[in-house]
Amino acid sequence: MKTRKGFVSNSSSSSFVIGFKNDEENLTEERLLPLFKVESGSIFYPFAKEMCRLIVELSEVYNPRKDWDEDFNAENLKKEGYKKVYVGCSSTGEGGLEGVLCEMELNYKDDHFAFIKEGR
């Protein structure tokens, strides 16, 4: 029998970028909820609300001089006129909703708001 020593991981991660054209607008659960297209009476509504809460929790205002390397999509959103940009990441290794977020296809862009997911 072979025994493996050390750290082994099958997790993967993905990052996301959120942009607002209006720099007065802040990242809130209520702003993200329409992305999920779930009616308030749906059995999936609590899941969508919790997913929005997690996205807000995992996000921070993009600042290339801080601890994030220059992010291609964040920089592109800035060039396209999105004045307030947030970045975040999730990992399947965390399990639960964070793992679900990592696996989801969730991209949206209009004249006022953008959500771009990268990776996985």
PDB file of N, CA and C in Angstrom:
ATOM      1  N   MET A   1       0.831  -1.180   0.000  1.00  0.00           N
ATOM      2  CA  MET A   1       0.000   0.000   0.000  1.00  0.00           C
ATOM      3  C   MET A   1       0.875   1.242   0.000  1.00  0.00           C
ATOM      4  N   LYS A   2       0.571   2.188  -0.900  1.00  0.00           N
ATOM      5  CA  LYS A   2       1.340   3.419  -0.962  1.00  0.00           C
ATOM      6  C   LYS A   2       0.710   4.461  -0.045  1.00  0.00           C
ATOM      7  N   THR A   3       1.550   5.198   0.617  1.00  0.00           N
ATOM      8  CA  THR A   3       1.090   6.277   1.487  1.00  0.00           C
ATOM      9  C   THR A   3       1.627   7.590   0.944  1.00  0.00           C
ATOM     10  N   ARG A   4       0.743   8.542   0.772  1.00  0.00           N
ATOM     11  CA  ARG A   4       1.152   9.841   0.260  1.00  0.00           C
ATOM     12  C   ARG A   4       1.293  10.799   1.432  1.00  0.00           C
ATOM     13  N   LYS A   5       2.415  11.518   1.474  1.00  0.00           N
ATOM     14  CA  LYS A   5       2.649  12.508   2.514  1.00  0.00           C
ATOM     15  C   LYS A   5       2.659  13.884   1.883  1.00  0.00           C
ATOM     16  N   GLY A   6       2.227  14.844   2.646  1.00  0.00           N
ATOM     17  CA  GLY A   6       2.227  16.211   2.145  1.00  0.00           C
ATOM     18  C   GLY A   6       0.825  16.661   1.779  1.00  0.00           C
ATOM     19  N   PHE A   7       0.740  17.862   1.265  1.00  0.00           N
ATOM     20  CA  PHE A   7      -0.538  18.489   0.945  1.00  0.00           C
ATOM     21  C   PHE A   7      -0.965  18.135  -0.473  1.00  0.00           C
ATOM     22  N   VAL A   8      -2.188  17.669  -0.614  1.00  0.00           N
ATOM     23  CA  VAL A   8      -2.746  17.355  -1.925  1.00  0.00           C
ATOM     24  C   VAL A   8      -4.060  18.111  -2.052  1.00  0.00           C
ATOM     25  N   SER A   9      -4.264  18.720  -3.194  1.00  0.00           N
ATOM     26  CA  SER A   9      -5.487  19.506  -3.363  1.00  0.00           C
ATOM     27  C   SER A   9      -6.095  19.265  -4.735  1.00  0.00           C
ATOM     28  N   ASN A  10      -7.382  19.080  -4.762  1.00  0.00           N
ATOM     29  CA  ASN A  10      -8.116  19.011  -6.022  1.00  0.00           C
ATOM     30  C   ASN A  10      -8.975  20.246  -6.209  1.00  0.00           C
ATOM     31  N   SER A  11      -8.712  21.282  -5.443  1.00  0.00           N
ATOM     32  CA  SER A  11      -9.537  22.475  -5.528  1.00  0.00           C
ATOM     33  C   SER A  11      -9.102  23.346  -6.697  1.00  0.00           C
ATOM     34  N   SER A  12     -10.018  24.154  -7.133  1.00  0.00           N
ATOM     35  CA  SER A  12      -9.712  25.146  -8.162  1.00  0.00           C
ATOM     36  C   SER A  12     -10.329  26.457  -7.716  1.00  0.00           C
ATOM     37  N   SER A  13      -9.906  27.519  -8.337  1.00  0.00           N
ATOM     38  CA  SER A  13     -10.420  28.824  -7.947  1.00  0.00           C
ATOM     39  C   SER A  13     -10.807  29.619  -9.182  1.00  0.00           C
ATOM     40  N   SER A  14     -11.608  30.626  -8.960  1.00  0.00           N
ATOM     41  CA  SER A  14     -11.951  31.554 -10.015  1.00  0.00           C
ATOM     42  C   SER A  14     -12.051  32.941  -9.405  1.00  0.00           C
ATOM     43  N   SER A  15     -11.789  33.936 -10.209  1.00  0.00           N
ATOM     44  CA  SER A  15     -11.901  35.307  -9.735  1.00  0.00           C
ATOM     45  C   SER A  15     -13.030  35.989 -10.494  1.00  0.00           C
ATOM     46  N   PHE A  16     -13.472  37.096  -9.954  1.00  0.00           N
ATOM     47  CA  PHE A  16     -14.525  37.849 -10.615  1.00  0.00           C
ATOM     48  C   PHE A  16     -14.260  39.340 -10.457  1.00  0.00           C
ATOM     49  N   VAL A  17     -14.819  40.098 -11.390  1.00  0.00           N
ATOM     50  CA  VAL A  17     -14.685  41.541 -11.417  1.00  0.00           C
ATOM     51  C   VAL A  17     -16.086  42.116 -11.562  1.00  0.00           C
ATOM     52  N   ILE A  18     -16.387  43.122 -10.763  1.00  0.00           N
ATOM     53  CA  ILE A  18     -17.695  43.771 -10.790  1.00  0.00           C
ATOM     54  C   ILE A  18     -17.459  45.253 -11.011  1.00  0.00           C
ATOM     55  N   GLY A  19     -18.167  45.835 -11.976  1.00  0.00           N
ATOM     56  CA  GLY A  19     -17.976  47.247 -12.271  1.00  0.00           C
ATOM     57  C   GLY A  19     -19.276  48.020 -12.299  1.00  0.00           C
ATOM     58  N   PHE A  20     -19.200  49.275 -11.843  1.00  0.00           N
ATOM     59  CA  PHE A  20     -20.327  50.204 -11.884  1.00  0.00           C
ATOM     60  C   PHE A  20     -19.903  51.453 -12.643  1.00  0.00           C
ATOM     61  N   LYS A  21     -20.727  51.908 -13.568  1.00  0.00           N
ATOM     62  CA  LYS A  21     -20.425  53.156 -14.275  1.00  0.00           C
ATOM     63  C   LYS A  21     -20.617  54.365 -13.358  1.00  0.00           C
ATOM     64  N   ASN A  22     -21.556  54.254 -12.426  1.00  0.00           N
ATOM     65  CA  ASN A  22     -21.825  55.324 -11.479  1.00  0.00           C
ATOM     66  C   ASN A  22     -20.969  55.098 -10.240  1.00  0.00           C
ATOM     67  N   ASP A  23     -20.033  56.012  -9.974  1.00  0.00           N
ATOM     68  CA  ASP A  23     -19.146  55.797  -8.831  1.00  0.00           C
ATOM     69  C   ASP A  23     -19.828  56.024  -7.485  1.00  0.00           C
ATOM     70  N   GLU A  24     -21.083  56.470  -7.515  1.00  0.00           N
ATOM     71  CA  GLU A  24     -21.854  56.610  -6.279  1.00  0.00           C
ATOM     72  C   GLU A  24     -22.481  55.278  -5.865  1.00  0.00           C
ATOM     73  N   GLU A  25     -22.556  54.326  -6.800  1.00  0.00           N
ATOM     74  CA  GLU A  25     -23.215  53.056  -6.522  1.00  0.00           C
ATOM     75  C   GLU A  25     -22.246  52.111  -5.812  1.00  0.00           C
ATOM     76  N   ASN A  26     -22.776  51.412  -4.804  1.00  0.00           N
ATOM     77  CA  ASN A  26     -21.963  50.471  -4.039  1.00  0.00           C
ATOM     78  C   ASN A  26     -22.421  49.043  -4.296  1.00  0.00           C
ATOM     79  N   LEU A  27     -21.533  48.121  -4.047  1.00  0.00           N
ATOM     80  CA  LEU A  27     -21.828  46.705  -4.200  1.00  0.00           C
ATOM     81  C   LEU A  27     -22.699  46.250  -3.035  1.00  0.00           C
ATOM     82  N   THR A  28     -23.920  45.837  -3.345  1.00  0.00           N
ATOM     83  CA  THR A  28     -24.850  45.363  -2.322  1.00  0.00           C
ATOM     84  C   THR A  28     -25.518  44.083  -2.804  1.00  0.00           C
ATOM     85  N   GLU A  29     -26.068  43.343  -1.867  1.00  0.00           N
ATOM     86  CA  GLU A  29     -26.812  42.136  -2.211  1.00  0.00           C
ATOM     87  C   GLU A  29     -27.986  42.481  -3.123  1.00  0.00           C
ATOM     88  N   GLU A  30     -28.666  43.583  -2.829  1.00  0.00           N
ATOM     89  CA  GLU A  30     -29.836  43.988  -3.617  1.00  0.00           C
ATOM     90  C   GLU A  30     -29.452  44.297  -5.069  1.00  0.00           C
ATOM     91  N   ARG A  31     -28.255  44.849  -5.271  1.00  0.00           N
ATOM     92  CA  ARG A  31     -27.809  45.182  -6.636  1.00  0.00           C
ATOM     93  C   ARG A  31     -27.485  43.918  -7.424  1.00  0.00           C
ATOM     94  N   LEU A  32     -26.995  42.886  -6.746  1.00  0.00           N
ATOM     95  CA  LEU A  32     -26.615  41.642  -7.415  1.00  0.00           C
ATOM     96  C   LEU A  32     -27.790  40.698  -7.657  1.00  0.00           C
ATOM     97  N   LEU A  33     -28.803  40.767  -6.839  1.00  0.00           N
ATOM     98  CA  LEU A  33     -29.911  39.801  -6.885  1.00  0.00           C
ATOM     99  C   LEU A  33     -30.545  39.644  -8.271  1.00  0.00           C
ATOM    100  N   PRO A  34     -30.743  40.716  -9.053  1.00  0.00           N
ATOM    101  CA  PRO A  34     -31.336  40.538 -10.392  1.00  0.00           C
ATOM    102  C   PRO A  34     -30.520  39.649 -11.331  1.00  0.00           C
ATOM    103  N   LEU A  35     -29.221  39.481 -11.074  1.00  0.00           N
ATOM    104  CA  LEU A  35     -28.400  38.599 -11.909  1.00  0.00           C
ATOM    105  C   LEU A  35     -28.921  37.163 -11.888  1.00  0.00           C
ATOM    106  N   PHE A  36     -29.524  36.767 -10.790  1.00  0.00           N
ATOM    107  CA  PHE A  36     -29.976  35.393 -10.623  1.00  0.00           C
ATOM    108  C   PHE A  36     -31.372  35.146 -11.189  1.00  0.00           C
ATOM    109  N   LYS A  37     -32.085  36.217 -11.539  1.00  0.00           N
ATOM    110  CA  LYS A  37     -33.405  36.112 -12.175  1.00  0.00           C
ATOM    111  C   LYS A  37     -34.327  35.158 -11.418  1.00  0.00           C
ATOM    112  N   VAL A  38     -34.403  35.362 -10.104  1.00  0.00           N
ATOM    113  CA  VAL A  38     -35.212  34.511  -9.245  1.00  0.00           C
ATOM    114  C   VAL A  38     -36.295  35.381  -8.586  1.00  0.00           C
ATOM    115  N   GLU A  39     -37.541  34.966  -8.715  1.00  0.00           N
ATOM    116  CA  GLU A  39     -38.653  35.685  -8.090  1.00  0.00           C
ATOM    117  C   GLU A  39     -38.588  35.525  -6.580  1.00  0.00           C
ATOM    118  N   SER A  40     -39.079  36.513  -5.843  1.00  0.00           N
ATOM    119  CA  SER A  40     -38.988  36.482  -4.381  1.00  0.00           C
ATOM    120  C   SER A  40     -39.764  35.317  -3.761  1.00  0.00           C
ATOM    121  N   GLY A  41     -40.778  34.781  -4.437  1.00  0.00           N
ATOM    122  CA  GLY A  41     -41.530  33.657  -3.900  1.00  0.00           C
ATOM    123  C   GLY A  41     -40.947  32.293  -4.238  1.00  0.00           C
ATOM    124  N   SER A  42     -39.898  32.272  -5.039  1.00  0.00           N
ATOM    125  CA  SER A  42     -39.295  31.013  -5.482  1.00  0.00           C
ATOM    126  C   SER A  42     -38.577  30.314  -4.328  1.00  0.00           C
ATOM    127  N   ILE A  43     -38.539  28.987  -4.388  1.00  0.00           N
ATOM    128  CA  ILE A  43     -37.777  28.240  -3.375  1.00  0.00           C
ATOM    129  C   ILE A  43     -36.270  28.502  -3.524  1.00  0.00           C
ATOM    130  N   PHE A  44     -35.841  29.044  -4.661  1.00  0.00           N
ATOM    131  CA  PHE A  44     -34.429  29.338  -4.885  1.00  0.00           C
ATOM    132  C   PHE A  44     -34.036  30.742  -4.424  1.00  0.00           C
ATOM    133  N   TYR A  45     -35.016  31.551  -4.027  1.00  0.00           N
ATOM    134  CA  TYR A  45     -34.740  32.924  -3.615  1.00  0.00           C
ATOM    135  C   TYR A  45     -33.760  32.992  -2.429  1.00  0.00           C
ATOM    136  N   PRO A  46     -33.942  32.200  -1.371  1.00  0.00           N
ATOM    137  CA  PRO A  46     -32.960  32.251  -0.267  1.00  0.00           C
ATOM    138  C   PRO A  46     -31.541  31.881  -0.715  1.00  0.00           C
ATOM    139  N   PHE A  47     -31.427  30.924  -1.636  1.00  0.00           N
ATOM    140  CA  PHE A  47     -30.120  30.548  -2.184  1.00  0.00           C
ATOM    141  C   PHE A  47     -29.497  31.738  -2.919  1.00  0.00           C
ATOM    142  N   ALA A  48     -30.293  32.408  -3.763  1.00  0.00           N
ATOM    143  CA  ALA A  48     -29.790  33.553  -4.531  1.00  0.00           C
ATOM    144  C   ALA A  48     -29.360  34.679  -3.588  1.00  0.00           C
ATOM    145  N   LYS A  49     -30.141  34.953  -2.559  1.00  0.00           N
ATOM    146  CA  LYS A  49     -29.786  35.998  -1.594  1.00  0.00           C
ATOM    147  C   LYS A  49     -28.485  35.654  -0.866  1.00  0.00           C
ATOM    148  N   GLU A  50     -28.340  34.408  -0.474  1.00  0.00           N
ATOM    149  CA  GLU A  50     -27.121  33.993   0.225  1.00  0.00           C
ATOM    150  C   GLU A  50     -25.913  34.061  -0.714  1.00  0.00           C
ATOM    151  N   MET A  51     -26.098  33.716  -1.980  1.00  0.00           N
ATOM    152  CA  MET A  51     -25.016  33.813  -2.955  1.00  0.00           C
ATOM    153  C   MET A  51     -24.594  35.275  -3.126  1.00  0.00           C
ATOM    154  N   CYS A  52     -25.558  36.179  -3.170  1.00  0.00           N
ATOM    155  CA  CYS A  52     -25.245  37.610  -3.275  1.00  0.00           C
ATOM    156  C   CYS A  52     -24.478  38.095  -2.044  1.00  0.00           C
ATOM    157  N   ARG A  53     -24.896  37.644  -0.867  1.00  0.00           N
ATOM    158  CA  ARG A  53     -24.196  38.004   0.367  1.00  0.00           C
ATOM    159  C   ARG A  53     -22.737  37.543   0.311  1.00  0.00           C
ATOM    160  N   LEU A  54     -22.523  36.322  -0.192  1.00  0.00           N
ATOM    161  CA  LEU A  54     -21.173  35.780  -0.297  1.00  0.00           C
ATOM    162  C   LEU A  54     -20.320  36.590  -1.275  1.00  0.00           C
ATOM    163  N   ILE A  55     -20.887  36.961  -2.417  1.00  0.00           N
ATOM    164  CA  ILE A  55     -20.137  37.752  -3.405  1.00  0.00           C
ATOM    165  C   ILE A  55     -19.705  39.081  -2.791  1.00  0.00           C
ATOM    166  N   VAL A  56     -20.613  39.730  -2.071  1.00  0.00           N
ATOM    167  CA  VAL A  56     -20.271  40.997  -1.417  1.00  0.00           C
ATOM    168  C   VAL A  56     -19.157  40.765  -0.393  1.00  0.00           C
ATOM    169  N   GLU A  57     -19.273  39.702   0.376  1.00  0.00           N
ATOM    170  CA  GLU A  57     -18.273  39.381   1.404  1.00  0.00           C
ATOM    171  C   GLU A  57     -16.889  39.112   0.794  1.00  0.00           C
ATOM    172  N   LEU A  58     -16.837  38.469  -0.361  1.00  0.00           N
ATOM    173  CA  LEU A  58     -15.566  38.096  -0.992  1.00  0.00           C
ATOM    174  C   LEU A  58     -14.945  39.219  -1.819  1.00  0.00           C
ATOM    175  N   SER A  59     -15.662  40.328  -1.977  1.00  0.00           N
ATOM    176  CA  SER A  59     -15.222  41.400  -2.867  1.00  0.00           C
ATOM    177  C   SER A  59     -14.549  42.542  -2.122  1.00  0.00           C
ATOM    178  N   GLU A  60     -13.669  43.214  -2.854  1.00  0.00           N
ATOM    179  CA  GLU A  60     -13.066  44.442  -2.345  1.00  0.00           C
ATOM    180  C   GLU A  60     -12.861  45.394  -3.513  1.00  0.00           C
ATOM    181  N   VAL A  61     -12.806  46.686  -3.200  1.00  0.00           N
ATOM    182  CA  VAL A  61     -12.600  47.689  -4.245  1.00  0.00           C
ATOM    183  C   VAL A  61     -11.243  47.441  -4.895  1.00  0.00           C
ATOM    184  N   TYR A  62     -11.228  47.452  -6.216  1.00  0.00           N
ATOM    185  CA  TYR A  62      -9.994  47.199  -6.968  1.00  0.00           C
ATOM    186  C   TYR A  62      -9.007  48.334  -6.763  1.00  0.00           C
ATOM    187  N   ASN A  63      -7.797  47.977  -6.370  1.00  0.00           N
ATOM    188  CA  ASN A  63      -6.709  48.915  -6.189  1.00  0.00           C
ATOM    189  C   ASN A  63      -5.424  48.208  -6.622  1.00  0.00           C
ATOM    190  N   PRO A  64      -4.954  48.475  -7.843  1.00  0.00           N
ATOM    191  CA  PRO A  64      -3.780  47.742  -8.341  1.00  0.00           C
ATOM    192  C   PRO A  64      -2.522  47.969  -7.515  1.00  0.00           C
ATOM    193  N   ARG A  65      -2.482  49.000  -6.716  1.00  0.00           N
ATOM    194  CA  ARG A  65      -1.294  49.265  -5.898  1.00  0.00           C
ATOM    195  C   ARG A  65      -1.324  48.534  -4.575  1.00  0.00           C
ATOM    196  N   LYS A  66      -2.477  47.944  -4.253  1.00  0.00           N
ATOM    197  CA  LYS A  66      -2.604  47.259  -2.971  1.00  0.00           C
ATOM    198  C   LYS A  66      -2.044  45.850  -3.108  1.00  0.00           C
ATOM    199  N   ASP A  67      -2.822  44.849  -2.732  1.00  0.00           N
ATOM    200  CA  ASP A  67      -2.317  43.480  -2.739  1.00  0.00           C
ATOM    201  C   ASP A  67      -2.759  42.677  -3.948  1.00  0.00           C
ATOM    202  N   TRP A  68      -3.512  43.263  -4.866  1.00  0.00           N
ATOM    203  CA  TRP A  68      -3.894  42.567  -6.095  1.00  0.00           C
ATOM    204  C   TRP A  68      -2.915  42.942  -7.190  1.00  0.00           C
ATOM    205  N   ASP A  69      -2.498  41.959  -7.960  1.00  0.00           N
ATOM    206  CA  ASP A  69      -1.727  42.280  -9.150  1.00  0.00           C
ATOM    207  C   ASP A  69      -2.657  42.980 -10.120  1.00  0.00           C
ATOM    208  N   GLU A  70      -2.093  43.648 -11.101  1.00  0.00           N
ATOM    209  CA  GLU A  70      -2.945  44.312 -12.098  1.00  0.00           C
ATOM    210  C   GLU A  70      -3.851  43.275 -12.738  1.00  0.00           C
ATOM    211  N   ASP A  71      -5.116  43.529 -12.701  1.00  0.00           N
ATOM    212  CA  ASP A  71      -6.122  42.600 -13.202  1.00  0.00           C
ATOM    213  C   ASP A  71      -6.585  43.061 -14.571  1.00  0.00           C
ATOM    214  N   PHE A  72      -6.433  42.191 -15.580  1.00  0.00           N
ATOM    215  CA  PHE A  72      -6.773  42.532 -16.962  1.00  0.00           C
ATOM    216  C   PHE A  72      -8.219  42.997 -17.098  1.00  0.00           C
ATOM    217  N   ASN A  73      -9.174  42.232 -16.583  1.00  0.00           N
ATOM    218  CA  ASN A  73     -10.583  42.605 -16.719  1.00  0.00           C
ATOM    219  C   ASN A  73     -10.930  43.849 -15.920  1.00  0.00           C
ATOM    220  N   ALA A  74     -10.345  44.020 -14.754  1.00  0.00           N
ATOM    221  CA  ALA A  74     -10.594  45.236 -13.968  1.00  0.00           C
ATOM    222  C   ALA A  74     -10.078  46.454 -14.712  1.00  0.00           C
ATOM    223  N   GLU A  75      -8.890  46.344 -15.276  1.00  0.00           N
ATOM    224  CA  GLU A  75      -8.337  47.465 -16.042  1.00  0.00           C
ATOM    225  C   GLU A  75      -9.182  47.763 -17.279  1.00  0.00           C
ATOM    226  N   ASN A  76      -9.662  46.725 -17.948  1.00  0.00           N
ATOM    227  CA  ASN A  76     -10.519  46.940 -19.120  1.00  0.00           C
ATOM    228  C   ASN A  76     -11.821  47.635 -18.744  1.00  0.00           C
ATOM    229  N   LEU A  77     -12.431  47.226 -17.619  1.00  0.00           N
ATOM    230  CA  LEU A  77     -13.661  47.897 -17.181  1.00  0.00           C
ATOM    231  C   LEU A  77     -13.388  49.368 -16.890  1.00  0.00           C
ATOM    232  N   LYS A  78     -12.265  49.664 -16.275  1.00  0.00           N
ATOM    233  CA  LYS A  78     -11.903  51.060 -16.016  1.00  0.00           C
ATOM    234  C   LYS A  78     -11.800  51.832 -17.334  1.00  0.00           C
ATOM    235  N   LYS A  79     -11.158  51.226 -18.339  1.00  0.00           N
ATOM    236  CA  LYS A  79     -11.012  51.869 -19.647  1.00  0.00           C
ATOM    237  C   LYS A  79     -12.359  52.065 -20.332  1.00  0.00           C
ATOM    238  N   GLU A  80     -13.330  51.177 -20.059  1.00  0.00           N
ATOM    239  CA  GLU A  80     -14.660  51.269 -20.659  1.00  0.00           C
ATOM    240  C   GLU A  80     -15.568  52.240 -19.903  1.00  0.00           C
ATOM    241  N   GLY A  81     -15.058  52.882 -18.877  1.00  0.00           N
ATOM    242  CA  GLY A  81     -15.829  53.892 -18.173  1.00  0.00           C
ATOM    243  C   GLY A  81     -16.524  53.421 -16.908  1.00  0.00           C
ATOM    244  N   TYR A  82     -16.236  52.211 -16.471  1.00  0.00           N
ATOM    245  CA  TYR A  82     -16.781  51.749 -15.190  1.00  0.00           C
ATOM    246  C   TYR A  82     -15.933  52.404 -14.098  1.00  0.00           C
ATOM    247  N   LYS A  83     -16.544  53.291 -13.333  1.00  0.00           N
ATOM    248  CA  LYS A  83     -15.789  54.119 -12.394  1.00  0.00           C
ATOM    249  C   LYS A  83     -15.457  53.406 -11.085  1.00  0.00           C
ATOM    250  N   LYS A  84     -16.347  52.534 -10.625  1.00  0.00           N
ATOM    251  CA  LYS A  84     -16.090  51.803  -9.387  1.00  0.00           C
ATOM    252  C   LYS A  84     -15.989  50.325  -9.738  1.00  0.00           C
ATOM    253  N   VAL A  85     -14.850  49.713  -9.437  1.00  0.00           N
ATOM    254  CA  VAL A  85     -14.598  48.321  -9.795  1.00  0.00           C
ATOM    255  C   VAL A  85     -14.212  47.546  -8.534  1.00  0.00           C
ATOM    256  N   TYR A  86     -14.826  46.372  -8.401  1.00  0.00           N
ATOM    257  CA  TYR A  86     -14.540  45.465  -7.295  1.00  0.00           C
ATOM    258  C   TYR A  86     -13.927  44.188  -7.866  1.00  0.00           C
ATOM    259  N   VAL A  87     -13.091  43.535  -7.088  1.00  0.00           N
ATOM    260  CA  VAL A  87     -12.520  42.239  -7.458  1.00  0.00           C
ATOM    261  C   VAL A  87     -12.713  41.268  -6.303  1.00  0.00           C
ATOM    262  N   GLY A  88     -12.767  39.982  -6.638  1.00  0.00           N
ATOM    263  CA  GLY A  88     -12.901  38.957  -5.614  1.00  0.00           C
ATOM    264  C   GLY A  88     -12.542  37.604  -6.189  1.00  0.00           C
ATOM    265  N   CYS A  89     -12.478  36.595  -5.332  1.00  0.00           N
ATOM    266  CA  CYS A  89     -12.202  35.247  -5.812  1.00  0.00           C
ATOM    267  C   CYS A  89     -12.879  34.227  -4.907  1.00  0.00           C
ATOM    268  N   SER A  90     -13.102  33.057  -5.471  1.00  0.00           N
ATOM    269  CA  SER A  90     -13.699  31.955  -4.727  1.00  0.00           C
ATOM    270  C   SER A  90     -12.944  30.677  -5.066  1.00  0.00           C
ATOM    271  N   SER A  91     -13.114  29.667  -4.215  1.00  0.00           N
ATOM    272  CA  SER A  91     -12.389  28.412  -4.385  1.00  0.00           C
ATOM    273  C   SER A  91     -13.306  27.233  -4.105  1.00  0.00           C
ATOM    274  N   THR A  92     -13.173  26.176  -4.904  1.00  0.00           N
ATOM    275  CA  THR A  92     -13.942  24.964  -4.643  1.00  0.00           C
ATOM    276  C   THR A  92     -13.451  24.287  -3.373  1.00  0.00           C
ATOM    277  N   GLY A  93     -12.222  24.556  -2.965  1.00  0.00           N
ATOM    278  CA  GLY A  93     -11.668  23.967  -1.760  1.00  0.00           C
ATOM    279  C   GLY A  93     -12.388  24.417  -0.503  1.00  0.00           C
ATOM    280  N   GLU A  94     -13.058  25.550  -0.569  1.00  0.00           N
ATOM    281  CA  GLU A  94     -13.806  26.054   0.578  1.00  0.00           C
ATOM    282  C   GLU A  94     -15.134  25.337   0.738  1.00  0.00           C
ATOM    283  N   GLY A  95     -15.592  24.672  -0.332  1.00  0.00           N
ATOM    284  CA  GLY A  95     -16.861  23.948  -0.273  1.00  0.00           C
ATOM    285  C   GLY A  95     -18.047  24.884  -0.180  1.00  0.00           C
ATOM    286  N   GLY A  96     -19.205  24.344   0.090  1.00  0.00           N
ATOM    287  CA  GLY A  96     -20.419  25.131   0.258  1.00  0.00           C
ATOM    288  C   GLY A  96     -20.695  26.063  -0.902  1.00  0.00           C
ATOM    289  N   LEU A  97     -21.254  27.220  -0.592  1.00  0.00           N
ATOM    290  CA  LEU A  97     -21.619  28.183  -1.633  1.00  0.00           C
ATOM    291  C   LEU A  97     -20.413  28.753  -2.356  1.00  0.00           C
ATOM    292  N   GLU A  98     -19.296  28.881  -1.665  1.00  0.00           N
ATOM    293  CA  GLU A  98     -18.103  29.388  -2.333  1.00  0.00           C
ATOM    294  C   GLU A  98     -17.655  28.439  -3.436  1.00  0.00           C
ATOM    295  N   GLY A  99     -17.759  27.145  -3.200  1.00  0.00           N
ATOM    296  CA  GLY A  99     -17.454  26.162  -4.238  1.00  0.00           C
ATOM    297  C   GLY A  99     -18.432  26.246  -5.395  1.00  0.00           C
ATOM    298  N   VAL A 100     -19.707  26.467  -5.075  1.00  0.00           N
ATOM    299  CA  VAL A 100     -20.733  26.626  -6.125  1.00  0.00           C
ATOM    300  C   VAL A 100     -20.433  27.861  -6.956  1.00  0.00           C
ATOM    301  N   LEU A 101     -20.107  28.981  -6.287  1.00  0.00           N
ATOM    302  CA  LEU A 101     -19.776  30.211  -7.005  1.00  0.00           C
ATOM    303  C   LEU A 101     -18.601  29.997  -7.944  1.00  0.00           C
ATOM    304  N   CYS A 102     -17.622  29.244  -7.499  1.00  0.00           N
ATOM    305  CA  CYS A 102     -16.449  28.966  -8.322  1.00  0.00           C
ATOM    306  C   CYS A 102     -16.832  28.225  -9.602  1.00  0.00           C
ATOM    307  N   GLU A 103     -17.807  27.348  -9.515  1.00  0.00           N
ATOM    308  CA  GLU A 103     -18.210  26.514 -10.652  1.00  0.00           C
ATOM    309  C   GLU A 103     -19.244  27.175 -11.571  1.00  0.00           C
ATOM    310  N   MET A 104     -19.922  28.224 -11.101  1.00  0.00           N
ATOM    311  CA  MET A 104     -21.023  28.834 -11.860  1.00  0.00           C
ATOM    312  C   MET A 104     -20.540  29.631 -13.070  1.00  0.00           C
ATOM    313  N   GLU A 105     -21.346  29.610 -14.107  1.00  0.00           N
ATOM    314  CA  GLU A 105     -21.168  30.524 -15.231  1.00  0.00           C
ATOM    315  C   GLU A 105     -22.015  31.744 -14.910  1.00  0.00           C
ATOM    316  N   LEU A 106     -21.381  32.832 -14.593  1.00  0.00           N
ATOM    317  CA  LEU A 106     -22.115  34.012 -14.166  1.00  0.00           C
ATOM    318  C   LEU A 106     -21.434  35.241 -14.743  1.00  0.00           C
ATOM    319  N   ASN A 107     -21.849  35.646 -15.930  1.00  0.00           N
ATOM    320  CA  ASN A 107     -21.295  36.826 -16.582  1.00  0.00           C
ATOM    321  C   ASN A 107     -22.440  37.700 -17.065  1.00  0.00           C
ATOM    322  N   TYR A 108     -22.288  39.006 -16.854  1.00  0.00           N
ATOM    323  CA  TYR A 108     -23.330  39.949 -17.247  1.00  0.00           C
ATOM    324  C   TYR A 108     -22.682  41.299 -17.489  1.00  0.00           C
ATOM    325  N   LYS A 109     -23.189  42.014 -18.494  1.00  0.00           N
ATOM    326  CA  LYS A 109     -22.669  43.342 -18.761  1.00  0.00           C
ATOM    327  C   LYS A 109     -23.743  44.169 -19.451  1.00  0.00           C
ATOM    328  N   ASP A 110     -23.958  45.389 -18.950  1.00  0.00           N
ATOM    329  CA  ASP A 110     -24.845  46.327 -19.630  1.00  0.00           C
ATOM    330  C   ASP A 110     -24.200  47.715 -19.561  1.00  0.00           C
ATOM    331  N   ASP A 111     -24.974  48.765 -19.840  1.00  0.00           N
ATOM    332  CA  ASP A 111     -24.412  50.115 -19.876  1.00  0.00           C
ATOM    333  C   ASP A 111     -24.046  50.672 -18.512  1.00  0.00           C
ATOM    334  N   HIS A 112     -24.515  50.034 -17.430  1.00  0.00           N
ATOM    335  CA  HIS A 112     -24.305  50.584 -16.098  1.00  0.00           C
ATOM    336  C   HIS A 112     -23.576  49.647 -15.143  1.00  0.00           C
ATOM    337  N   PHE A 113     -23.583  48.345 -15.448  1.00  0.00           N
ATOM    338  CA  PHE A 113     -23.114  47.344 -14.492  1.00  0.00           C
ATOM    339  C   PHE A 113     -22.474  46.182 -15.237  1.00  0.00           C
ATOM    340  N   ALA A 114     -21.408  45.614 -14.651  1.00  0.00           N
ATOM    341  CA  ALA A 114     -20.768  44.428 -15.251  1.00  0.00           C
ATOM    342  C   ALA A 114     -20.348  43.459 -14.154  1.00  0.00           C
ATOM    343  N   PHE A 115     -20.521  42.162 -14.445  1.00  0.00           N
ATOM    344  CA  PHE A 115     -20.021  41.093 -13.585  1.00  0.00           C
ATOM    345  C   PHE A 115     -19.320  40.113 -14.508  1.00  0.00           C
ATOM    346  N   ILE A 116     -18.014  39.991 -14.354  1.00  0.00           N
ATOM    347  CA  ILE A 116     -17.221  39.116 -15.218  1.00  0.00           C
ATOM    348  C   ILE A 116     -16.510  38.106 -14.334  1.00  0.00           C
ATOM    349  N   LYS A 117     -16.756  36.847 -14.598  1.00  0.00           N
ATOM    350  CA  LYS A 117     -16.127  35.768 -13.839  1.00  0.00           C
ATOM    351  C   LYS A 117     -15.027  35.158 -14.692  1.00  0.00           C
ATOM    352  N   GLU A 118     -13.897  34.899 -14.076  1.00  0.00           N
ATOM    353  CA  GLU A 118     -12.737  34.335 -14.779  1.00  0.00           C
ATOM    354  C   GLU A 118     -12.374  32.998 -14.160  1.00  0.00           C
ATOM    355  N   GLY A 119     -11.702  32.191 -14.903  1.00  0.00           N
ATOM    356  CA  GLY A 119     -11.192  30.929 -14.364  1.00  0.00           C
ATOM    357  C   GLY A 119     -12.218  29.827 -14.371  1.00  0.00           C
ATOM    358  N   ARG A 120     -11.821  28.712 -13.847  1.00  0.00           N
ATOM    359  CA  ARG A 120     -12.571  27.457 -13.744  1.00  0.00           C
ATOM    360  C   ARG A 120     -13.217  27.145 -15.012  1.00  0.00           C
TER     361      ARG A 120
END
